[in-house]
N, C-alpha and C. Protein backbone atom coordinates (compact mmCIF):
# COMPACT_ATOMS: atom_id res chain seq x y z
N MET A 1 -128.16 -54.89 -53.79
CA MET A 1 -129.17 -55.90 -53.60
C MET A 1 -128.61 -57.25 -54.06
N THR A 2 -128.69 -58.24 -53.21
CA THR A 2 -128.20 -59.57 -53.58
C THR A 2 -129.36 -60.45 -53.99
N THR A 3 -129.08 -61.31 -54.94
CA THR A 3 -130.09 -62.26 -55.38
C THR A 3 -129.59 -63.66 -55.08
N LYS A 4 -130.50 -64.56 -54.91
CA LYS A 4 -130.15 -65.95 -54.62
C LYS A 4 -129.49 -66.57 -55.86
N PHE A 5 -128.37 -67.24 -55.64
CA PHE A 5 -127.63 -67.86 -56.74
C PHE A 5 -128.41 -69.08 -57.25
N ASP A 6 -128.64 -69.14 -58.54
CA ASP A 6 -129.31 -70.28 -59.16
C ASP A 6 -128.32 -70.98 -60.07
N PRO A 7 -127.78 -72.14 -59.65
CA PRO A 7 -126.76 -72.82 -60.45
C PRO A 7 -127.27 -73.27 -61.81
N ASN A 8 -128.58 -73.47 -61.94
CA ASN A 8 -129.14 -73.90 -63.22
C ASN A 8 -129.10 -72.81 -64.28
N ASN A 9 -129.00 -71.55 -63.84
CA ASN A 9 -128.96 -70.44 -64.78
C ASN A 9 -127.64 -69.68 -64.76
N ALA A 10 -126.65 -70.22 -64.07
CA ALA A 10 -125.36 -69.54 -63.96
C ALA A 10 -124.58 -69.61 -65.26
N GLN A 11 -123.84 -68.56 -65.53
CA GLN A 11 -122.96 -68.54 -66.69
C GLN A 11 -121.63 -69.17 -66.30
N ASN A 12 -121.02 -69.90 -67.20
CA ASN A 12 -119.73 -70.53 -66.93
C ASN A 12 -118.60 -69.62 -67.37
N ALA A 13 -117.67 -69.39 -66.48
CA ALA A 13 -116.48 -68.61 -66.82
C ALA A 13 -115.46 -69.57 -67.43
N ILE A 14 -114.99 -69.25 -68.61
CA ILE A 14 -114.10 -70.13 -69.37
C ILE A 14 -112.84 -70.48 -68.57
N GLU A 15 -112.23 -69.51 -67.90
CA GLU A 15 -111.00 -69.77 -67.14
C GLU A 15 -111.27 -70.72 -65.97
N ILE A 16 -112.38 -70.56 -65.32
CA ILE A 16 -112.73 -71.45 -64.21
C ILE A 16 -112.94 -72.87 -64.74
N GLU A 17 -113.64 -72.99 -65.86
CA GLU A 17 -113.85 -74.30 -66.46
C GLU A 17 -112.53 -74.97 -66.82
N LYS A 18 -111.59 -74.20 -67.36
CA LYS A 18 -110.28 -74.74 -67.72
C LYS A 18 -109.55 -75.25 -66.48
N GLN A 19 -109.62 -74.48 -65.39
CA GLN A 19 -108.96 -74.89 -64.15
C GLN A 19 -109.58 -76.18 -63.61
N PHE A 20 -110.90 -76.29 -63.67
CA PHE A 20 -111.57 -77.51 -63.23
C PHE A 20 -111.15 -78.69 -64.10
N ALA A 21 -111.05 -78.45 -65.40
CA ALA A 21 -110.65 -79.52 -66.32
C ALA A 21 -109.23 -80.00 -66.01
N VAL A 22 -108.33 -79.06 -65.76
CA VAL A 22 -106.95 -79.42 -65.43
C VAL A 22 -106.92 -80.26 -64.15
N LYS A 23 -107.66 -79.84 -63.14
CA LYS A 23 -107.71 -80.58 -61.87
C LYS A 23 -108.29 -81.98 -62.09
N ALA A 24 -109.31 -82.09 -62.91
CA ALA A 24 -109.94 -83.38 -63.17
C ALA A 24 -108.96 -84.32 -63.88
N VAL A 25 -108.21 -83.80 -64.84
CA VAL A 25 -107.22 -84.62 -65.56
C VAL A 25 -106.11 -85.05 -64.60
N GLU A 26 -105.63 -84.13 -63.77
CA GLU A 26 -104.59 -84.47 -62.80
C GLU A 26 -105.08 -85.56 -61.85
N HIS A 27 -106.32 -85.45 -61.40
CA HIS A 27 -106.91 -86.45 -60.51
C HIS A 27 -106.97 -87.82 -61.21
N ALA A 28 -107.38 -87.84 -62.46
CA ALA A 28 -107.46 -89.09 -63.23
C ALA A 28 -106.08 -89.72 -63.40
N GLN A 29 -105.08 -88.89 -63.71
CA GLN A 29 -103.71 -89.40 -63.88
C GLN A 29 -103.18 -89.97 -62.56
N THR A 30 -103.44 -89.29 -61.48
CA THR A 30 -103.01 -89.77 -60.16
C THR A 30 -103.67 -91.10 -59.84
N TYR A 31 -104.95 -91.19 -60.11
CA TYR A 31 -105.66 -92.44 -59.82
C TYR A 31 -105.15 -93.59 -60.68
N TRP A 32 -104.90 -93.33 -61.95
CA TRP A 32 -104.38 -94.38 -62.84
C TRP A 32 -103.01 -94.85 -62.35
N ASN A 33 -102.18 -93.91 -61.89
CA ASN A 33 -100.88 -94.26 -61.33
C ASN A 33 -101.03 -95.12 -60.07
N LEU A 34 -102.02 -94.81 -59.25
CA LEU A 34 -102.29 -95.63 -58.06
C LEU A 34 -102.72 -97.04 -58.46
N LEU A 35 -103.58 -97.12 -59.48
CA LEU A 35 -104.03 -98.44 -59.95
C LEU A 35 -102.85 -99.28 -60.44
N GLU A 36 -101.84 -98.62 -60.98
CA GLU A 36 -100.66 -99.34 -61.45
C GLU A 36 -99.87 -99.92 -60.27
N LYS A 37 -99.74 -99.14 -59.22
CA LYS A 37 -98.83 -99.49 -58.13
C LYS A 37 -99.46 -100.31 -57.00
N VAL A 38 -100.75 -100.18 -56.79
CA VAL A 38 -101.40 -100.83 -55.66
C VAL A 38 -102.51 -101.76 -56.16
N PRO A 39 -102.49 -103.02 -55.71
CA PRO A 39 -103.62 -103.89 -56.08
C PRO A 39 -104.93 -103.22 -55.61
N PRO A 40 -105.90 -103.10 -56.51
CA PRO A 40 -107.11 -102.33 -56.20
C PRO A 40 -107.83 -102.76 -54.91
N ARG A 41 -107.81 -104.03 -54.59
CA ARG A 41 -108.50 -104.47 -53.37
C ARG A 41 -107.82 -103.93 -52.11
N ASN A 42 -106.57 -103.48 -52.24
CA ASN A 42 -105.84 -102.91 -51.10
C ASN A 42 -105.85 -101.38 -51.10
N LEU A 43 -106.47 -100.80 -52.09
CA LEU A 43 -106.45 -99.35 -52.26
C LEU A 43 -107.54 -98.70 -51.41
N LYS A 44 -107.15 -97.71 -50.63
CA LYS A 44 -108.09 -96.95 -49.81
C LYS A 44 -108.12 -95.53 -50.36
N LEU A 45 -109.28 -95.08 -50.81
CA LEU A 45 -109.40 -93.76 -51.42
C LEU A 45 -109.75 -92.67 -50.42
N THR A 46 -110.47 -93.03 -49.36
CA THR A 46 -110.84 -92.07 -48.31
C THR A 46 -110.83 -92.80 -46.97
N LYS A 47 -110.97 -92.03 -45.91
CA LYS A 47 -111.11 -92.64 -44.58
C LYS A 47 -112.49 -93.28 -44.42
N LEU A 48 -113.40 -92.95 -45.31
CA LEU A 48 -114.79 -93.40 -45.21
C LEU A 48 -115.15 -94.48 -46.24
N ASP A 49 -114.17 -95.16 -46.80
CA ASP A 49 -114.45 -96.14 -47.86
C ASP A 49 -115.54 -97.14 -47.47
N ASP A 50 -115.47 -97.69 -46.26
CA ASP A 50 -116.47 -98.67 -45.84
C ASP A 50 -117.87 -98.06 -45.86
N ASP A 51 -118.00 -96.88 -45.27
CA ASP A 51 -119.30 -96.20 -45.22
C ASP A 51 -119.81 -95.85 -46.62
N ILE A 52 -118.91 -95.36 -47.47
CA ILE A 52 -119.31 -94.98 -48.83
C ILE A 52 -119.77 -96.21 -49.61
N PHE A 53 -119.05 -97.31 -49.48
CA PHE A 53 -119.43 -98.55 -50.18
C PHE A 53 -120.81 -99.03 -49.72
N GLU A 54 -121.01 -99.10 -48.40
CA GLU A 54 -122.30 -99.55 -47.86
C GLU A 54 -123.43 -98.62 -48.27
N HIS A 55 -123.19 -97.31 -48.19
CA HIS A 55 -124.20 -96.32 -48.57
C HIS A 55 -124.55 -96.44 -50.05
N THR A 56 -123.53 -96.62 -50.90
CA THR A 56 -123.76 -96.75 -52.34
C THR A 56 -124.64 -97.96 -52.63
N MET A 57 -124.29 -99.09 -52.05
CA MET A 57 -125.06 -100.32 -52.32
C MET A 57 -126.46 -100.27 -51.72
N ARG A 58 -126.61 -99.55 -50.61
CA ARG A 58 -127.93 -99.41 -49.99
C ARG A 58 -128.83 -98.48 -50.82
N ASP A 59 -128.28 -97.34 -51.26
CA ASP A 59 -129.08 -96.36 -51.99
C ASP A 59 -129.27 -96.71 -53.47
N PHE A 60 -128.37 -97.53 -54.00
CA PHE A 60 -128.43 -97.90 -55.41
C PHE A 60 -128.35 -99.43 -55.54
N PRO A 61 -129.38 -100.15 -55.07
CA PRO A 61 -129.33 -101.62 -55.09
C PRO A 61 -129.18 -102.19 -56.50
N GLU A 62 -129.57 -101.44 -57.50
CA GLU A 62 -129.44 -101.92 -58.88
C GLU A 62 -127.97 -102.09 -59.29
N LEU A 63 -127.06 -101.48 -58.56
CA LEU A 63 -125.63 -101.64 -58.87
C LEU A 63 -125.14 -103.06 -58.57
N ALA A 64 -125.85 -103.78 -57.71
CA ALA A 64 -125.46 -105.15 -57.36
C ALA A 64 -126.05 -106.17 -58.34
N GLU A 65 -126.98 -105.76 -59.17
CA GLU A 65 -127.65 -106.68 -60.10
C GLU A 65 -126.72 -107.09 -61.24
N ASN A 66 -127.03 -108.24 -61.85
CA ASN A 66 -126.31 -108.74 -63.03
C ASN A 66 -124.80 -108.71 -62.83
N ASP A 67 -124.35 -109.25 -61.70
CA ASP A 67 -122.93 -109.35 -61.40
C ASP A 67 -122.26 -107.96 -61.44
N HIS A 68 -122.95 -106.97 -60.90
CA HIS A 68 -122.46 -105.59 -60.78
C HIS A 68 -122.16 -104.93 -62.13
N GLU A 69 -122.95 -105.28 -63.14
CA GLU A 69 -122.72 -104.76 -64.49
C GLU A 69 -122.73 -103.22 -64.53
N LYS A 70 -123.63 -102.57 -63.74
CA LYS A 70 -123.70 -101.10 -63.77
C LYS A 70 -122.54 -100.44 -63.02
N VAL A 71 -121.75 -101.24 -62.29
CA VAL A 71 -120.53 -100.72 -61.67
C VAL A 71 -119.38 -100.90 -62.66
N THR A 72 -119.37 -102.04 -63.34
CA THR A 72 -118.32 -102.32 -64.32
C THR A 72 -118.41 -101.35 -65.48
N LYS A 73 -119.60 -101.22 -66.05
CA LYS A 73 -119.81 -100.35 -67.22
C LYS A 73 -120.90 -99.35 -66.85
N LEU A 74 -120.51 -98.11 -66.71
CA LEU A 74 -121.44 -97.08 -66.27
C LEU A 74 -122.50 -96.78 -67.31
N ASP A 75 -123.71 -96.57 -66.82
CA ASP A 75 -124.85 -96.20 -67.65
C ASP A 75 -125.11 -94.71 -67.43
N GLU A 76 -124.49 -93.90 -68.28
CA GLU A 76 -124.58 -92.45 -68.12
C GLU A 76 -126.03 -91.97 -68.21
N ASP A 77 -126.83 -92.57 -69.08
CA ASP A 77 -128.23 -92.16 -69.20
C ASP A 77 -128.98 -92.40 -67.89
N TRP A 78 -128.73 -93.54 -67.25
CA TRP A 78 -129.35 -93.85 -65.97
C TRP A 78 -128.92 -92.84 -64.90
N MET A 79 -127.62 -92.53 -64.88
CA MET A 79 -127.09 -91.61 -63.88
C MET A 79 -127.65 -90.20 -64.06
N LYS A 80 -127.85 -89.80 -65.31
CA LYS A 80 -128.24 -88.42 -65.60
C LYS A 80 -129.73 -88.25 -65.89
N SER A 81 -130.48 -89.34 -65.71
CA SER A 81 -131.94 -89.23 -65.85
C SER A 81 -132.47 -88.35 -64.72
N LYS A 82 -133.69 -87.89 -64.82
CA LYS A 82 -134.26 -87.03 -63.79
C LYS A 82 -134.21 -87.74 -62.43
N ASP A 83 -134.64 -88.99 -62.39
CA ASP A 83 -134.62 -89.77 -61.14
C ASP A 83 -133.18 -89.98 -60.67
N GLY A 84 -132.30 -90.33 -61.61
CA GLY A 84 -130.90 -90.57 -61.27
C GLY A 84 -130.24 -89.33 -60.68
N LYS A 85 -130.47 -88.18 -61.30
CA LYS A 85 -129.88 -86.93 -60.79
C LYS A 85 -130.34 -86.65 -59.36
N GLU A 86 -131.61 -86.85 -59.11
CA GLU A 86 -132.15 -86.58 -57.77
C GLU A 86 -131.57 -87.55 -56.74
N ARG A 87 -131.49 -88.81 -57.09
CA ARG A 87 -130.93 -89.81 -56.17
C ARG A 87 -129.46 -89.52 -55.90
N TRP A 88 -128.70 -89.19 -56.95
CA TRP A 88 -127.28 -88.89 -56.76
C TRP A 88 -127.09 -87.61 -55.96
N ARG A 89 -127.91 -86.61 -56.21
CA ARG A 89 -127.80 -85.35 -55.48
C ARG A 89 -127.96 -85.60 -53.98
N LYS A 90 -128.96 -86.40 -53.62
CA LYS A 90 -129.20 -86.74 -52.21
C LYS A 90 -128.00 -87.50 -51.63
N PHE A 91 -127.47 -88.45 -52.38
CA PHE A 91 -126.31 -89.24 -51.96
C PHE A 91 -125.10 -88.33 -51.73
N ILE A 92 -124.81 -87.47 -52.69
CA ILE A 92 -123.65 -86.59 -52.65
C ILE A 92 -123.73 -85.63 -51.46
N GLN A 93 -124.90 -85.06 -51.24
CA GLN A 93 -125.08 -84.09 -50.15
C GLN A 93 -124.77 -84.69 -48.79
N ALA A 94 -124.93 -85.98 -48.63
CA ALA A 94 -124.65 -86.63 -47.35
C ALA A 94 -123.19 -86.48 -46.95
N TYR A 95 -122.31 -86.15 -47.90
CA TYR A 95 -120.88 -86.05 -47.63
C TYR A 95 -120.35 -84.62 -47.60
N GLU A 96 -121.26 -83.67 -47.63
CA GLU A 96 -120.88 -82.26 -47.69
C GLU A 96 -119.91 -81.87 -46.58
N LYS A 97 -120.12 -82.37 -45.37
CA LYS A 97 -119.29 -81.97 -44.24
C LYS A 97 -118.18 -82.97 -43.92
N THR A 98 -118.14 -84.11 -44.60
CA THR A 98 -117.17 -85.14 -44.22
C THR A 98 -116.12 -85.47 -45.28
N VAL A 99 -116.38 -85.14 -46.55
CA VAL A 99 -115.43 -85.46 -47.61
C VAL A 99 -115.01 -84.18 -48.32
N LYS A 100 -113.70 -83.91 -48.26
CA LYS A 100 -113.17 -82.72 -48.91
C LYS A 100 -113.41 -82.81 -50.42
N ASP A 101 -113.79 -81.70 -51.01
CA ASP A 101 -114.01 -81.61 -52.45
C ASP A 101 -115.07 -82.61 -52.94
N TYR A 102 -116.03 -82.93 -52.09
CA TYR A 102 -117.06 -83.93 -52.38
C TYR A 102 -117.82 -83.67 -53.68
N ASN A 103 -117.96 -82.41 -54.05
CA ASN A 103 -118.73 -82.09 -55.26
C ASN A 103 -117.88 -81.58 -56.41
N PHE A 104 -116.55 -81.69 -56.30
CA PHE A 104 -115.67 -81.33 -57.41
C PHE A 104 -115.89 -82.29 -58.56
N GLY A 105 -115.55 -81.85 -59.74
CA GLY A 105 -115.65 -82.72 -60.90
C GLY A 105 -114.48 -83.67 -60.99
N SER A 106 -114.75 -84.87 -61.44
CA SER A 106 -113.73 -85.90 -61.64
C SER A 106 -114.01 -86.63 -62.94
N LEU A 107 -112.97 -87.16 -63.53
CA LEU A 107 -113.13 -88.00 -64.70
C LEU A 107 -113.16 -89.46 -64.23
N ILE A 108 -114.05 -90.23 -64.81
CA ILE A 108 -114.13 -91.64 -64.47
C ILE A 108 -114.21 -92.46 -65.75
N ARG A 109 -113.64 -93.64 -65.70
CA ARG A 109 -113.72 -94.55 -66.85
C ARG A 109 -115.12 -95.15 -66.89
N THR A 110 -115.75 -95.12 -68.05
CA THR A 110 -117.09 -95.68 -68.15
C THR A 110 -117.05 -97.20 -68.10
N ASP A 111 -115.95 -97.79 -68.50
CA ASP A 111 -115.78 -99.24 -68.45
C ASP A 111 -114.55 -99.54 -67.61
N ALA A 112 -114.75 -100.23 -66.50
CA ALA A 112 -113.66 -100.52 -65.56
C ALA A 112 -112.57 -101.40 -66.16
N ARG A 113 -112.88 -102.09 -67.24
CA ARG A 113 -111.91 -103.02 -67.84
C ARG A 113 -110.94 -102.31 -68.77
N GLU A 114 -111.14 -101.03 -68.99
CA GLU A 114 -110.31 -100.28 -69.94
C GLU A 114 -109.66 -99.08 -69.26
N GLU A 115 -108.68 -98.51 -69.95
CA GLU A 115 -107.97 -97.35 -69.42
C GLU A 115 -108.75 -96.07 -69.73
N TYR A 116 -108.28 -94.97 -69.15
CA TYR A 116 -108.85 -93.67 -69.47
C TYR A 116 -108.61 -93.38 -70.95
N GLY A 117 -109.59 -92.84 -71.61
CA GLY A 117 -109.48 -92.47 -73.01
C GLY A 117 -110.69 -91.64 -73.39
N GLU A 118 -110.61 -91.03 -74.54
CA GLU A 118 -111.68 -90.13 -74.99
C GLU A 118 -113.05 -90.80 -75.00
N LYS A 119 -113.10 -92.06 -75.44
CA LYS A 119 -114.39 -92.75 -75.56
C LYS A 119 -114.75 -93.53 -74.30
N ASN A 120 -113.86 -93.55 -73.30
CA ASN A 120 -114.11 -94.32 -72.08
C ASN A 120 -114.09 -93.44 -70.84
N THR A 121 -114.41 -92.17 -71.00
CA THR A 121 -114.33 -91.25 -69.87
C THR A 121 -115.53 -90.31 -69.87
N ILE A 122 -116.10 -90.13 -68.66
CA ILE A 122 -117.14 -89.12 -68.49
C ILE A 122 -116.80 -88.29 -67.26
N PHE A 123 -117.47 -87.17 -67.15
CA PHE A 123 -117.28 -86.23 -66.05
C PHE A 123 -118.35 -86.50 -65.00
N VAL A 124 -117.94 -86.71 -63.75
CA VAL A 124 -118.87 -86.95 -62.64
C VAL A 124 -118.40 -86.13 -61.44
N THR A 125 -119.19 -86.14 -60.37
CA THR A 125 -118.73 -85.48 -59.15
C THR A 125 -117.74 -86.40 -58.43
N ARG A 126 -116.95 -85.81 -57.55
CA ARG A 126 -115.96 -86.59 -56.79
C ARG A 126 -116.63 -87.71 -56.01
N MET A 127 -117.81 -87.47 -55.44
CA MET A 127 -118.49 -88.52 -54.67
C MET A 127 -118.97 -89.65 -55.57
N GLN A 128 -119.40 -89.34 -56.78
CA GLN A 128 -119.76 -90.41 -57.71
C GLN A 128 -118.52 -91.22 -58.07
N PHE A 129 -117.41 -90.51 -58.29
CA PHE A 129 -116.14 -91.19 -58.55
C PHE A 129 -115.82 -92.15 -57.40
N TYR A 130 -115.88 -91.64 -56.17
CA TYR A 130 -115.59 -92.50 -55.01
C TYR A 130 -116.56 -93.67 -54.93
N ALA A 131 -117.84 -93.41 -55.12
CA ALA A 131 -118.84 -94.47 -55.02
C ALA A 131 -118.52 -95.61 -55.99
N PHE A 132 -118.25 -95.27 -57.24
CA PHE A 132 -117.99 -96.31 -58.24
C PHE A 132 -116.61 -96.94 -58.08
N GLU A 133 -115.59 -96.13 -57.87
CA GLU A 133 -114.24 -96.69 -57.79
C GLU A 133 -114.01 -97.51 -56.52
N ILE A 134 -114.59 -97.10 -55.41
CA ILE A 134 -114.48 -97.91 -54.19
C ILE A 134 -115.17 -99.25 -54.43
N ALA A 135 -116.36 -99.21 -55.05
CA ALA A 135 -117.07 -100.46 -55.36
C ALA A 135 -116.26 -101.32 -56.33
N ARG A 136 -115.72 -100.72 -57.36
CA ARG A 136 -114.91 -101.47 -58.34
C ARG A 136 -113.71 -102.13 -57.66
N ASN A 137 -113.06 -101.40 -56.77
CA ASN A 137 -111.90 -101.95 -56.08
C ASN A 137 -112.30 -103.10 -55.16
N ARG A 138 -113.34 -102.89 -54.38
CA ARG A 138 -113.80 -103.92 -53.42
C ARG A 138 -114.26 -105.19 -54.12
N LEU A 139 -114.91 -105.03 -55.26
CA LEU A 139 -115.51 -106.16 -55.97
C LEU A 139 -114.55 -106.83 -56.95
N GLY A 140 -113.33 -106.32 -57.04
CA GLY A 140 -112.34 -106.90 -57.96
C GLY A 140 -112.53 -106.48 -59.40
N LEU A 141 -113.36 -105.47 -59.64
CA LEU A 141 -113.66 -105.05 -61.01
C LEU A 141 -112.55 -104.19 -61.61
N ASN A 142 -111.61 -103.73 -60.78
CA ASN A 142 -110.48 -102.95 -61.29
C ASN A 142 -109.22 -103.80 -61.42
N ASP A 143 -109.31 -105.09 -61.17
CA ASP A 143 -108.13 -105.94 -61.27
C ASP A 143 -107.53 -105.91 -62.67
N GLN A 144 -108.37 -105.96 -63.68
CA GLN A 144 -107.90 -105.92 -65.07
C GLN A 144 -107.23 -104.57 -65.37
N ALA A 145 -107.80 -103.49 -64.86
CA ALA A 145 -107.20 -102.16 -65.06
C ALA A 145 -105.84 -102.09 -64.37
N HIS A 146 -105.71 -102.71 -63.22
CA HIS A 146 -104.43 -102.76 -62.49
C HIS A 146 -103.36 -103.43 -63.36
N GLU A 147 -103.70 -104.56 -63.94
CA GLU A 147 -102.75 -105.28 -64.81
C GLU A 147 -102.42 -104.45 -66.05
N LEU A 148 -103.43 -103.82 -66.64
CA LEU A 148 -103.22 -102.98 -67.82
C LEU A 148 -102.30 -101.80 -67.48
N ALA A 149 -102.52 -101.15 -66.35
CA ALA A 149 -101.70 -100.01 -65.94
C ALA A 149 -100.25 -100.46 -65.70
N LYS A 150 -100.06 -101.63 -65.10
CA LYS A 150 -98.71 -102.14 -64.88
C LYS A 150 -98.01 -102.42 -66.20
N GLN A 151 -98.73 -103.01 -67.16
CA GLN A 151 -98.15 -103.29 -68.48
C GLN A 151 -97.75 -102.00 -69.19
N GLU A 152 -98.62 -101.00 -69.14
CA GLU A 152 -98.32 -99.71 -69.77
C GLU A 152 -97.11 -99.06 -69.14
N ALA A 153 -97.01 -99.12 -67.82
CA ALA A 153 -95.87 -98.53 -67.12
C ALA A 153 -94.58 -99.24 -67.51
N GLU A 154 -94.63 -100.56 -67.63
CA GLU A 154 -93.44 -101.32 -68.03
C GLU A 154 -93.02 -100.96 -69.46
N LYS A 155 -93.98 -100.84 -70.37
CA LYS A 155 -93.67 -100.44 -71.75
C LYS A 155 -93.01 -99.06 -71.76
N GLU A 156 -93.53 -98.15 -70.94
CA GLU A 156 -92.98 -96.79 -70.87
C GLU A 156 -91.55 -96.83 -70.32
N ARG A 157 -91.30 -97.65 -69.29
CA ARG A 157 -89.94 -97.78 -68.74
C ARG A 157 -88.98 -98.34 -69.79
N MET A 158 -89.43 -99.33 -70.54
CA MET A 158 -88.59 -99.93 -71.58
C MET A 158 -88.27 -98.91 -72.67
N LYS A 159 -89.26 -98.13 -73.07
CA LYS A 159 -89.06 -97.09 -74.09
C LYS A 159 -88.06 -96.05 -73.59
N GLU A 160 -88.20 -95.62 -72.35
CA GLU A 160 -87.27 -94.65 -71.78
C GLU A 160 -85.85 -95.21 -71.73
N ALA A 161 -85.73 -96.49 -71.38
CA ALA A 161 -84.40 -97.13 -71.33
C ALA A 161 -83.79 -97.18 -72.73
N ARG A 162 -84.58 -97.52 -73.75
CA ARG A 162 -84.09 -97.55 -75.13
C ARG A 162 -83.67 -96.15 -75.58
N ASP A 163 -84.51 -95.14 -75.28
CA ASP A 163 -84.19 -93.77 -75.66
C ASP A 163 -82.91 -93.29 -74.97
N LYS A 164 -82.76 -93.66 -73.71
CA LYS A 164 -81.56 -93.28 -72.97
C LYS A 164 -80.33 -93.95 -73.59
N GLU A 165 -80.46 -95.20 -73.96
CA GLU A 165 -79.36 -95.95 -74.57
C GLU A 165 -78.99 -95.34 -75.93
N LYS A 166 -79.99 -94.96 -76.70
CA LYS A 166 -79.73 -94.31 -77.99
C LYS A 166 -78.98 -93.00 -77.78
N GLY A 167 -79.37 -92.25 -76.76
CA GLY A 167 -78.70 -90.99 -76.44
C GLY A 167 -77.24 -91.20 -76.07
N LYS A 168 -76.95 -92.25 -75.31
CA LYS A 168 -75.57 -92.57 -74.94
C LYS A 168 -74.73 -92.91 -76.16
N LYS A 169 -75.31 -93.69 -77.08
CA LYS A 169 -74.58 -94.09 -78.29
C LYS A 169 -74.24 -92.87 -79.13
N ARG A 170 -75.18 -91.91 -79.22
CA ARG A 170 -74.94 -90.71 -80.01
C ARG A 170 -73.84 -89.85 -79.40
N THR A 171 -73.83 -89.72 -78.09
CA THR A 171 -72.84 -88.86 -77.46
C THR A 171 -71.45 -89.51 -77.43
N HIS A 172 -71.38 -90.83 -77.54
CA HIS A 172 -70.09 -91.52 -77.55
C HIS A 172 -69.65 -91.86 -78.96
N GLY A 173 -70.34 -91.38 -79.96
CA GLY A 173 -69.95 -91.54 -81.37
C GLY A 173 -70.10 -92.94 -81.91
N LYS A 174 -70.97 -93.73 -81.36
CA LYS A 174 -71.16 -95.10 -81.85
C LYS A 174 -72.35 -95.21 -82.73
């Protein structure tokens, strides 16, 4: 006898959760690397970026208020309120047949002006990630993150060059 699956009462399998977490971290790292290499206004995340941006602004007009403050700095309480959950669920479902992994979990920076970090990251669905990051890119809200990512990459390259040079000196007895 089969019963209807109720996601609200489902038990979480630890191994599945770990796999989702690994995928979410990999996705975040890939996106941060993209922000380093491509000016955000030129970044295309999906074939549907235009539609997703228009749909987001149409369904969530409050995101355009106060110079797009709710896009720059996410309001998790607003997103996860009863009304917010219902509105986002409806938005996300619209992409069920058109966006691969539309409902997978993703990590997103709560403040577009900062890098990924423990205090600046929350877990959202892939469509919420696309909605916010496409808007951030289009509106120039990720420009600061682009510069920050480039600076971090340059620091890392310099450190690697110094470490490599130290290694050469040790092997040549200097």
